[in-house]
């Protein structure tokens, strides 16, 4: 999948997270897309996204983020945007990387903060509500879908990894897709764009290495989320069924819809 990443100017981290070997076949390509928000999309970006025929957009952001950074859509966009109302990040309505940045000074502080944050993400009520809608949406035959949050790396990263795990994608591929955030598209532009809000909140107290850690992904971040699921429910599969509603019937529908 040399063309997994769609290079865009104003939408960061836009890529296909299908194409991996799964249980019983291969995840479809051109059906599962993920990205950051579309607030800064250019006209060319919107044309490129429109050409993908996306029918469902799953927006993992909270109400405050959607109000402050409304996503731009192509004038002919006829899809449906899915989300659970409320805040999926902090009570301040910021993106989760902003939340993790609170009080951080160094890269090591940032790493520890992100690990703690990921351990909480799988249990946040509003985020869980949108994840449940996400899985239900994928199990229905709507056509291509797009999963996104603010930066397209944390809430989106966990969501994409959940689908990969449910579909039996090898753990190495699950992690490789997650870590692709660090190199997908113009990562420097993505970091610079998000740094504006982080710096506005926390200013010069955070050093540059800490900022880069907050705006990147590391294996221990995602591992923290899955470890938390297993601590609370014994196995990932038990978590997915109890919290996300991914019982055997839903998983079977996902496989029928997504695996070829």
C-alpha atoms as a PDB file:
ATOM      1  CA  UNK A   1       0.000   0.000   0.000  1.00  0.00           C
ATOM      2  CA  UNK A   2       2.476   2.570  -1.202  1.00  0.00           C
ATOM      3  CA  UNK A   3      -0.373   5.050  -1.679  1.00  0.00           C
ATOM      4  CA  UNK A   4      -1.859   4.626   1.790  1.00  0.00           C
ATOM      5  CA  UNK A   5      -1.294   8.304   2.684  1.00  0.00           C
ATOM      6  CA  UNK A   6      -3.244  10.981   0.810  1.00  0.00           C
ATOM      7  CA  UNK A   7      -1.026  14.101   0.672  1.00  0.00           C
ATOM      8  CA  UNK A   8      -3.182  17.127   1.429  1.00  0.00           C
ATOM      9  CA  UNK A   9      -2.304  20.711   2.341  1.00  0.00           C
ATOM     10  CA  UNK A  10      -4.816  21.624   5.026  1.00  0.00           C
ATOM     11  CA  UNK A  11      -5.929  18.215   6.313  1.00  0.00           C
ATOM     12  CA  UNK A  12      -3.258  16.347   8.202  1.00  0.00           C
ATOM     13  CA  UNK A  13      -2.648  12.637   8.684  1.00  0.00           C
ATOM     14  CA  UNK A  14      -5.168  11.577   6.024  1.00  0.00           C
ATOM     15  CA  UNK A  15      -4.722   7.918   5.139  1.00  0.00           C
ATOM     16  CA  UNK A  16      -6.285   4.539   4.398  1.00  0.00           C
ATOM     17  CA  UNK A  17      -6.154   2.152   7.347  1.00  0.00           C
ATOM     18  CA  UNK A  18      -7.411  -0.809   5.338  1.00  0.00           C
ATOM     19  CA  UNK A  19      -5.295  -3.195   3.297  1.00  0.00           C
ATOM     20  CA  UNK A  20      -3.871  -5.215   6.214  1.00  0.00           C
ATOM     21  CA  UNK A  21      -4.093  -8.989   6.474  1.00  0.00           C
ATOM     22  CA  UNK A  22      -6.982  -9.858   8.768  1.00  0.00           C
ATOM     23  CA  UNK A  23      -8.808 -12.930  10.022  1.00  0.00           C
ATOM     24  CA  UNK A  24     -10.038 -14.733   6.934  1.00  0.00           C
ATOM     25  CA  UNK A  25      -8.704 -12.327   4.341  1.00  0.00           C
ATOM     26  CA  UNK A  26      -7.606  -8.714   3.847  1.00  0.00           C
ATOM     27  CA  UNK A  27      -9.200  -5.484   5.005  1.00  0.00           C
ATOM     28  CA  UNK A  28     -10.741  -3.643   2.090  1.00  0.00           C
ATOM     29  CA  UNK A  29      -8.871  -0.662   0.698  1.00  0.00           C
ATOM     30  CA  UNK A  30     -10.573   2.597  -0.150  1.00  0.00           C
ATOM     31  CA  UNK A  31     -13.214   2.005   2.535  1.00  0.00           C
ATOM     32  CA  UNK A  32     -11.522   2.930   5.809  1.00  0.00           C
ATOM     33  CA  UNK A  33     -10.035   6.423   5.985  1.00  0.00           C
ATOM     34  CA  UNK A  34      -8.680   8.360   8.963  1.00  0.00           C
ATOM     35  CA  UNK A  35      -7.425  11.916   9.421  1.00  0.00           C
ATOM     36  CA  UNK A  36      -7.239  15.038  11.533  1.00  0.00           C
ATOM     37  CA  UNK A  37      -9.949  17.708  11.403  1.00  0.00           C
ATOM     38  CA  UNK A  38     -10.849  19.555   8.183  1.00  0.00           C
ATOM     39  CA  UNK A  39     -11.055  23.094   9.531  1.00  0.00           C
ATOM     40  CA  UNK A  40      -8.105  24.213   7.411  1.00  0.00           C
ATOM     41  CA  UNK A  41      -8.966  22.244   4.256  1.00  0.00           C
ATOM     42  CA  UNK A  42      -8.164  23.899   0.940  1.00  0.00           C
ATOM     43  CA  UNK A  43     -10.404  23.740  -2.130  1.00  0.00           C
ATOM     44  CA  UNK A  44      -8.045  21.151  -3.638  1.00  0.00           C
ATOM     45  CA  UNK A  45      -8.183  19.118  -0.417  1.00  0.00           C
ATOM     46  CA  UNK A  46     -11.972  19.071  -0.520  1.00  0.00           C
ATOM     47  CA  UNK A  47     -11.941  17.949  -4.149  1.00  0.00           C
ATOM     48  CA  UNK A  48      -9.543  15.107  -3.330  1.00  0.00           C
ATOM     49  CA  UNK A  49     -11.624  13.957  -0.359  1.00  0.00           C
ATOM     50  CA  UNK A  50     -14.858  14.254  -2.366  1.00  0.00           C
ATOM     51  CA  UNK A  51     -13.409  11.929  -5.001  1.00  0.00           C
ATOM     52  CA  UNK A  52     -13.182   9.166  -2.375  1.00  0.00           C
ATOM     53  CA  UNK A  53     -16.969   8.979  -2.131  1.00  0.00           C
ATOM     54  CA  UNK A  54     -17.051   9.069   1.661  1.00  0.00           C
ATOM     55  CA  UNK A  55     -20.576   8.316   2.888  1.00  0.00           C
ATOM     56  CA  UNK A  56     -20.068   8.390   6.653  1.00  0.00           C
ATOM     57  CA  UNK A  57     -17.842  10.632   8.780  1.00  0.00           C
ATOM     58  CA  UNK A  58     -17.273   9.577  12.387  1.00  0.00           C
ATOM     59  CA  UNK A  59     -16.205  12.676  14.328  1.00  0.00           C
ATOM     60  CA  UNK A  60     -14.523  11.760  17.620  1.00  0.00           C
ATOM     61  CA  UNK A  61     -14.184  15.359  18.758  1.00  0.00           C
ATOM     62  CA  UNK A  62     -16.341  16.917  21.443  1.00  0.00           C
ATOM     63  CA  UNK A  63     -19.031  19.552  20.983  1.00  0.00           C
ATOM     64  CA  UNK A  64     -16.677  22.423  21.882  1.00  0.00           C
ATOM     65  CA  UNK A  65     -14.074  21.341  19.336  1.00  0.00           C
ATOM     66  CA  UNK A  66     -16.686  21.051  16.600  1.00  0.00           C
ATOM     67  CA  UNK A  67     -17.953  24.544  17.407  1.00  0.00           C
ATOM     68  CA  UNK A  68     -14.482  26.108  17.489  1.00  0.00           C
ATOM     69  CA  UNK A  69     -13.074  24.216  14.501  1.00  0.00           C
ATOM     70  CA  UNK A  70     -15.986  23.383  12.161  1.00  0.00           C
ATOM     71  CA  UNK A  71     -14.934  21.005   9.412  1.00  0.00           C
ATOM     72  CA  UNK A  72     -15.170  22.263   5.859  1.00  0.00           C
ATOM     73  CA  UNK A  73     -17.035  20.057   3.393  1.00  0.00           C
ATOM     74  CA  UNK A  74     -17.218  19.877  -0.369  1.00  0.00           C
ATOM     75  CA  UNK A  75     -20.300  21.663  -1.707  1.00  0.00           C
ATOM     76  CA  UNK A  76     -21.581  18.316  -3.025  1.00  0.00           C
ATOM     77  CA  UNK A  77     -20.910  16.388   0.180  1.00  0.00           C
ATOM     78  CA  UNK A  78     -23.976  14.209   0.783  1.00  0.00           C
ATOM     79  CA  UNK A  79     -22.659  11.976   3.543  1.00  0.00           C
ATOM     80  CA  UNK A  80     -23.695  11.810   7.167  1.00  0.00           C
ATOM     81  CA  UNK A  81     -21.598  12.898  10.174  1.00  0.00           C
ATOM     82  CA  UNK A  82     -21.851  10.610  13.218  1.00  0.00           C
ATOM     83  CA  UNK A  83     -20.964  11.585  16.792  1.00  0.00           C
ATOM     84  CA  UNK A  84     -22.171  11.272  20.372  1.00  0.00           C
ATOM     85  CA  UNK A  85     -22.995  14.696  21.881  1.00  0.00           C
ATOM     86  CA  UNK A  86     -20.800  15.953  24.707  1.00  0.00           C
ATOM     87  CA  UNK A  87     -17.075  16.308  25.340  1.00  0.00           C
ATOM     88  CA  UNK A  88     -14.706  13.475  24.463  1.00  0.00           C
ATOM     89  CA  UNK A  89     -11.613  15.144  25.905  1.00  0.00           C
ATOM     90  CA  UNK A  90     -11.290  17.385  28.964  1.00  0.00           C
ATOM     91  CA  UNK A  91     -14.146  19.359  30.474  1.00  0.00           C
ATOM     92  CA  UNK A  92     -12.565  22.436  28.869  1.00  0.00           C
ATOM     93  CA  UNK A  93     -13.444  20.958  25.506  1.00  0.00           C
ATOM     94  CA  UNK A  94      -9.861  20.822  24.261  1.00  0.00           C
ATOM     95  CA  UNK A  95      -8.239  18.101  22.178  1.00  0.00           C
ATOM     96  CA  UNK A  96      -6.716  15.283  24.198  1.00  0.00           C
ATOM     97  CA  UNK A  97      -3.156  16.323  23.375  1.00  0.00           C
ATOM     98  CA  UNK A  98      -3.975  19.724  24.911  1.00  0.00           C
ATOM     99  CA  UNK A  99      -5.297  17.951  27.979  1.00  0.00           C
ATOM    100  CA  UNK A 100      -2.142  15.846  28.294  1.00  0.00           C
ATOM    101  CA  UNK A 101       0.028  18.977  27.981  1.00  0.00           C
ATOM    102  CA  UNK A 102      -1.273  20.497  31.220  1.00  0.00           C
ATOM    103  CA  UNK A 103       1.666  20.976  33.604  1.00  0.00           C
ATOM    104  CA  UNK A 104       4.167  19.292  31.280  1.00  0.00           C
ATOM    105  CA  UNK A 105       7.688  20.680  31.066  1.00  0.00           C
ATOM    106  CA  UNK A 106       9.957  18.012  29.545  1.00  0.00           C
ATOM    107  CA  UNK A 107       9.726  15.169  27.055  1.00  0.00           C
ATOM    108  CA  UNK A 108       9.739  12.617  29.877  1.00  0.00           C
ATOM    109  CA  UNK A 109       6.888  14.430  31.601  1.00  0.00           C
ATOM    110  CA  UNK A 110       5.032  14.468  28.278  1.00  0.00           C
ATOM    111  CA  UNK A 111       5.549  10.746  27.716  1.00  0.00           C
ATOM    112  CA  UNK A 112       4.260   9.890  31.196  1.00  0.00           C
ATOM    113  CA  UNK A 113       1.267  12.191  30.757  1.00  0.00           C
ATOM    114  CA  UNK A 114       0.324  10.587  27.448  1.00  0.00           C
ATOM    115  CA  UNK A 115       0.609   7.070  28.899  1.00  0.00           C
ATOM    116  CA  UNK A 116      -1.785   8.045  31.699  1.00  0.00           C
ATOM    117  CA  UNK A 117      -4.140   9.729  29.258  1.00  0.00           C
ATOM    118  CA  UNK A 118      -4.370   6.658  27.013  1.00  0.00           C
ATOM    119  CA  UNK A 119      -5.267   4.489  29.990  1.00  0.00           C
ATOM    120  CA  UNK A 120      -8.375   6.654  30.458  1.00  0.00           C
ATOM    121  CA  UNK A 121      -9.458   7.077  26.840  1.00  0.00           C
ATOM    122  CA  UNK A 122     -11.168   3.663  26.458  1.00  0.00           C
ATOM    123  CA  UNK A 123     -13.600   4.472  29.293  1.00  0.00           C
ATOM    124  CA  UNK A 124     -14.673   8.055  28.654  1.00  0.00           C
ATOM    125  CA  UNK A 125     -18.474   7.952  28.340  1.00  0.00           C
ATOM    126  CA  UNK A 126     -18.905  10.329  25.394  1.00  0.00           C
ATOM    127  CA  UNK A 127     -15.924   8.922  23.508  1.00  0.00           C
ATOM    128  CA  UNK A 128     -17.189   5.396  24.169  1.00  0.00           C
ATOM    129  CA  UNK A 129     -20.571   6.489  22.835  1.00  0.00           C
ATOM    130  CA  UNK A 130     -18.995   7.623  19.577  1.00  0.00           C
ATOM    131  CA  UNK A 131     -16.849   4.482  19.338  1.00  0.00           C
ATOM    132  CA  UNK A 132     -20.045   2.424  19.639  1.00  0.00           C
ATOM    133  CA  UNK A 133     -21.640   4.443  16.836  1.00  0.00           C
ATOM    134  CA  UNK A 134     -18.433   4.015  14.832  1.00  0.00           C
ATOM    135  CA  UNK A 135     -18.549   0.221  15.036  1.00  0.00           C
ATOM    136  CA  UNK A 136     -22.260   0.128  14.255  1.00  0.00           C
ATOM    137  CA  UNK A 137     -21.676   2.396  11.261  1.00  0.00           C
ATOM    138  CA  UNK A 138     -18.881   0.213   9.897  1.00  0.00           C
ATOM    139  CA  UNK A 139     -21.064  -2.873  10.272  1.00  0.00           C
ATOM    140  CA  UNK A 140     -23.629  -1.343   7.903  1.00  0.00           C
ATOM    141  CA  UNK A 141     -23.133  -1.082   4.153  1.00  0.00           C
ATOM    142  CA  UNK A 142     -22.832   2.664   3.653  1.00  0.00           C
ATOM    143  CA  UNK A 143     -19.713   2.844   1.517  1.00  0.00           C
ATOM    144  CA  UNK A 144     -16.378   4.467   2.444  1.00  0.00           C
ATOM    145  CA  UNK A 145     -16.064   5.997   5.901  1.00  0.00           C
ATOM    146  CA  UNK A 146     -13.776   8.564   7.512  1.00  0.00           C
ATOM    147  CA  UNK A 147     -12.738   8.485  11.165  1.00  0.00           C
ATOM    148  CA  UNK A 148     -11.206  11.649  12.594  1.00  0.00           C
ATOM    149  CA  UNK A 149     -10.646  13.718  15.726  1.00  0.00           C
ATOM    150  CA  UNK A 150      -8.563  16.917  16.023  1.00  0.00           C
ATOM    151  CA  UNK A 151      -5.043  15.771  15.150  1.00  0.00           C
ATOM    152  CA  UNK A 152      -6.099  12.308  13.997  1.00  0.00           C
ATOM    153  CA  UNK A 153      -3.625  10.541  16.257  1.00  0.00           C
ATOM    154  CA  UNK A 154      -4.983   9.723  19.731  1.00  0.00           C
ATOM    155  CA  UNK A 155      -8.752   9.188  19.775  1.00  0.00           C
ATOM    156  CA  UNK A 156      -8.546   8.225  16.114  1.00  0.00           C
ATOM    157  CA  UNK A 157      -5.500   6.041  16.726  1.00  0.00           C
ATOM    158  CA  UNK A 158      -7.264   4.040  19.422  1.00  0.00           C
ATOM    159  CA  UNK A 159     -10.430   3.751  17.326  1.00  0.00           C
ATOM    160  CA  UNK A 160      -8.602   2.444  14.260  1.00  0.00           C
ATOM    161  CA  UNK A 161      -6.599   0.032  16.419  1.00  0.00           C
ATOM    162  CA  UNK A 162      -9.801  -1.319  17.983  1.00  0.00           C
ATOM    163  CA  UNK A 163     -11.169  -2.168  14.537  1.00  0.00           C
ATOM    164  CA  UNK A 164      -7.866  -3.740  13.546  1.00  0.00           C
ATOM    165  CA  UNK A 165      -7.848  -5.890  16.667  1.00  0.00           C
ATOM    166  CA  UNK A 166     -11.476  -6.933  16.193  1.00  0.00           C
ATOM    167  CA  UNK A 167     -10.687  -7.977  12.623  1.00  0.00           C
ATOM    168  CA  UNK A 168      -7.668 -10.030  13.639  1.00  0.00           C
ATOM    169  CA  UNK A 169      -4.988  -7.774  12.144  1.00  0.00           C
ATOM    170  CA  UNK A 170      -1.545  -8.825  13.363  1.00  0.00           C
ATOM    171  CA  UNK A 171      -0.362  -6.769  16.383  1.00  0.00           C
ATOM    172  CA  UNK A 172       2.715  -5.637  14.444  1.00  0.00           C
ATOM    173  CA  UNK A 173       0.496  -4.180  11.723  1.00  0.00           C
ATOM    174  CA  UNK A 174      -1.822  -2.596  14.293  1.00  0.00           C
ATOM    175  CA  UNK A 175       1.146  -0.804  15.818  1.00  0.00           C
ATOM    176  CA  UNK A 176       2.695   0.066  12.454  1.00  0.00           C
ATOM    177  CA  UNK A 177      -0.507   1.771  11.361  1.00  0.00           C
ATOM    178  CA  UNK A 178      -0.690   3.669  14.646  1.00  0.00           C
ATOM    179  CA  UNK A 179       2.932   4.839  14.377  1.00  0.00           C
ATOM    180  CA  UNK A 180       2.452   5.959  10.780  1.00  0.00           C
ATOM    181  CA  UNK A 181       1.119   9.198  12.277  1.00  0.00           C
ATOM    182  CA  UNK A 182       4.732  10.201  12.903  1.00  0.00           C
ATOM    183  CA  UNK A 183       5.613  10.203   9.196  1.00  0.00           C
ATOM    184  CA  UNK A 184       2.316  10.454   7.293  1.00  0.00           C
ATOM    185  CA  UNK A 185       2.142  13.481   5.024  1.00  0.00           C
ATOM    186  CA  UNK A 186       3.700  16.717   6.240  1.00  0.00           C
ATOM    187  CA  UNK A 187       4.195  15.818   9.897  1.00  0.00           C
ATOM    188  CA  UNK A 188       6.075  19.052  10.574  1.00  0.00           C
ATOM    189  CA  UNK A 189       3.100  21.094   9.384  1.00  0.00           C
ATOM    190  CA  UNK A 190       0.785  18.983  11.558  1.00  0.00           C
ATOM    191  CA  UNK A 191       2.924  19.561  14.645  1.00  0.00           C
ATOM    192  CA  UNK A 192       3.225  23.274  13.922  1.00  0.00           C
ATOM    193  CA  UNK A 193      -0.537  23.656  13.439  1.00  0.00           C
ATOM    194  CA  UNK A 194      -1.405  21.919  16.695  1.00  0.00           C
ATOM    195  CA  UNK A 195       1.394  23.662  18.569  1.00  0.00           C
ATOM    196  CA  UNK A 196      -0.498  26.942  18.265  1.00  0.00           C
ATOM    197  CA  UNK A 197      -3.235  25.816  20.661  1.00  0.00           C
ATOM    198  CA  UNK A 198      -0.792  24.052  22.971  1.00  0.00           C
ATOM    199  CA  UNK A 199       1.462  27.101  23.216  1.00  0.00           C
ATOM    200  CA  UNK A 200      -1.555  29.343  23.757  1.00  0.00           C
ATOM    201  CA  UNK A 201      -2.488  27.290  26.792  1.00  0.00           C
ATOM    202  CA  UNK A 202       0.922  26.490  28.232  1.00  0.00           C
ATOM    203  CA  UNK A 203       3.346  28.970  26.657  1.00  0.00           C
ATOM    204  CA  UNK A 204       7.113  28.721  27.060  1.00  0.00           C
ATOM    205  CA  UNK A 205       6.913  26.471  30.118  1.00  0.00           C
ATOM    206  CA  UNK A 206       6.950  23.426  27.849  1.00  0.00           C
ATOM    207  CA  UNK A 207      10.218  22.775  26.019  1.00  0.00           C
ATOM    208  CA  UNK A 208      10.288  21.864  22.325  1.00  0.00           C
ATOM    209  CA  UNK A 209      11.057  18.193  22.980  1.00  0.00           C
ATOM    210  CA  UNK A 210       8.004  17.943  25.217  1.00  0.00           C
ATOM    211  CA  UNK A 211       5.819  19.542  22.558  1.00  0.00           C
ATOM    212  CA  UNK A 212       7.025  17.051  19.959  1.00  0.00           C
ATOM    213  CA  UNK A 213       6.307  14.156  22.315  1.00  0.00           C
ATOM    214  CA  UNK A 214       2.783  15.431  22.926  1.00  0.00           C
ATOM    215  CA  UNK A 215       2.189  15.804  19.182  1.00  0.00           C
ATOM    216  CA  UNK A 216       3.686  12.426  18.226  1.00  0.00           C
ATOM    217  CA  UNK A 217       2.741   8.839  19.005  1.00  0.00           C
ATOM    218  CA  UNK A 218       4.820   6.204  20.761  1.00  0.00           C
ATOM    219  CA  UNK A 219       4.218   2.449  21.174  1.00  0.00           C
ATOM    220  CA  UNK A 220       3.722   2.742  24.934  1.00  0.00           C
ATOM    221  CA  UNK A 221       0.812   5.134  24.413  1.00  0.00           C
ATOM    222  CA  UNK A 222      -1.325   2.621  22.520  1.00  0.00           C
ATOM    223  CA  UNK A 223      -0.070  -0.224  24.705  1.00  0.00           C
ATOM    224  CA  UNK A 224      -1.353   1.706  27.726  1.00  0.00           C
ATOM    225  CA  UNK A 225      -4.876   1.835  26.278  1.00  0.00           C
ATOM    226  CA  UNK A 226      -5.045  -1.893  25.578  1.00  0.00           C
ATOM    227  CA  UNK A 227      -3.459  -2.740  28.938  1.00  0.00           C
ATOM    228  CA  UNK A 228      -6.188  -0.707  30.663  1.00  0.00           C
ATOM    229  CA  UNK A 229      -8.872  -2.584  28.731  1.00  0.00           C
ATOM    230  CA  UNK A 230      -7.380  -5.893  29.857  1.00  0.00           C
ATOM    231  CA  UNK A 231      -7.008  -4.800  33.483  1.00  0.00           C
ATOM    232  CA  UNK A 232     -10.672  -3.889  33.695  1.00  0.00           C
ATOM    233  CA  UNK A 233     -12.156  -6.719  31.637  1.00  0.00           C
ATOM    234  CA  UNK A 234      -9.573  -9.502  31.440  1.00  0.00           C
ATOM    235  CA  UNK A 235      -9.209  -9.453  27.658  1.00  0.00           C
ATOM    236  CA  UNK A 236      -9.535  -6.948  24.845  1.00  0.00           C
ATOM    237  CA  UNK A 237     -12.413  -8.965  23.406  1.00  0.00           C
ATOM    238  CA  UNK A 238     -14.307  -8.834  26.714  1.00  0.00           C
ATOM    239  CA  UNK A 239     -13.805  -5.060  26.874  1.00  0.00           C
ATOM    240  CA  UNK A 240     -14.994  -4.638  23.288  1.00  0.00           C
ATOM    241  CA  UNK A 241     -18.178  -6.597  23.964  1.00  0.00           C
ATOM    242  CA  UNK A 242     -19.001  -5.099  27.361  1.00  0.00           C
ATOM    243  CA  UNK A 243     -18.086  -1.471  26.672  1.00  0.00           C
ATOM    244  CA  UNK A 244     -18.345  -1.058  22.897  1.00  0.00           C
ATOM    245  CA  UNK A 245     -21.135  -3.531  22.181  1.00  0.00           C
ATOM    246  CA  UNK A 246     -18.910  -5.573  19.865  1.00  0.00           C
ATOM    247  CA  UNK A 247     -20.488  -8.964  20.460  1.00  0.00           C
ATOM    248  CA  UNK A 248     -20.012 -11.959  18.151  1.00  0.00           C
ATOM    249  CA  UNK A 249     -22.854 -10.856  15.884  1.00  0.00           C
ATOM    250  CA  UNK A 250     -21.432  -7.350  15.381  1.00  0.00           C
ATOM    251  CA  UNK A 251     -17.926  -8.691  14.774  1.00  0.00           C
ATOM    252  CA  UNK A 252     -19.334 -11.081  12.164  1.00  0.00           C
ATOM    253  CA  UNK A 253     -21.073  -8.199  10.391  1.00  0.00           C
ATOM    254  CA  UNK A 254     -17.859  -6.183  10.461  1.00  0.00           C
ATOM    255  CA  UNK A 255     -15.955  -9.068   8.922  1.00  0.00           C
ATOM    256  CA  UNK A 256     -18.571  -9.498   6.213  1.00  0.00           C
ATOM    257  CA  UNK A 257     -18.456  -5.800   5.440  1.00  0.00           C
ATOM    258  CA  UNK A 258     -14.722  -5.119   5.709  1.00  0.00           C
ATOM    259  CA  UNK A 259     -12.783  -8.305   4.904  1.00  0.00           C
ATOM    260  CA  UNK A 260     -12.268  -9.736   1.431  1.00  0.00           C
END
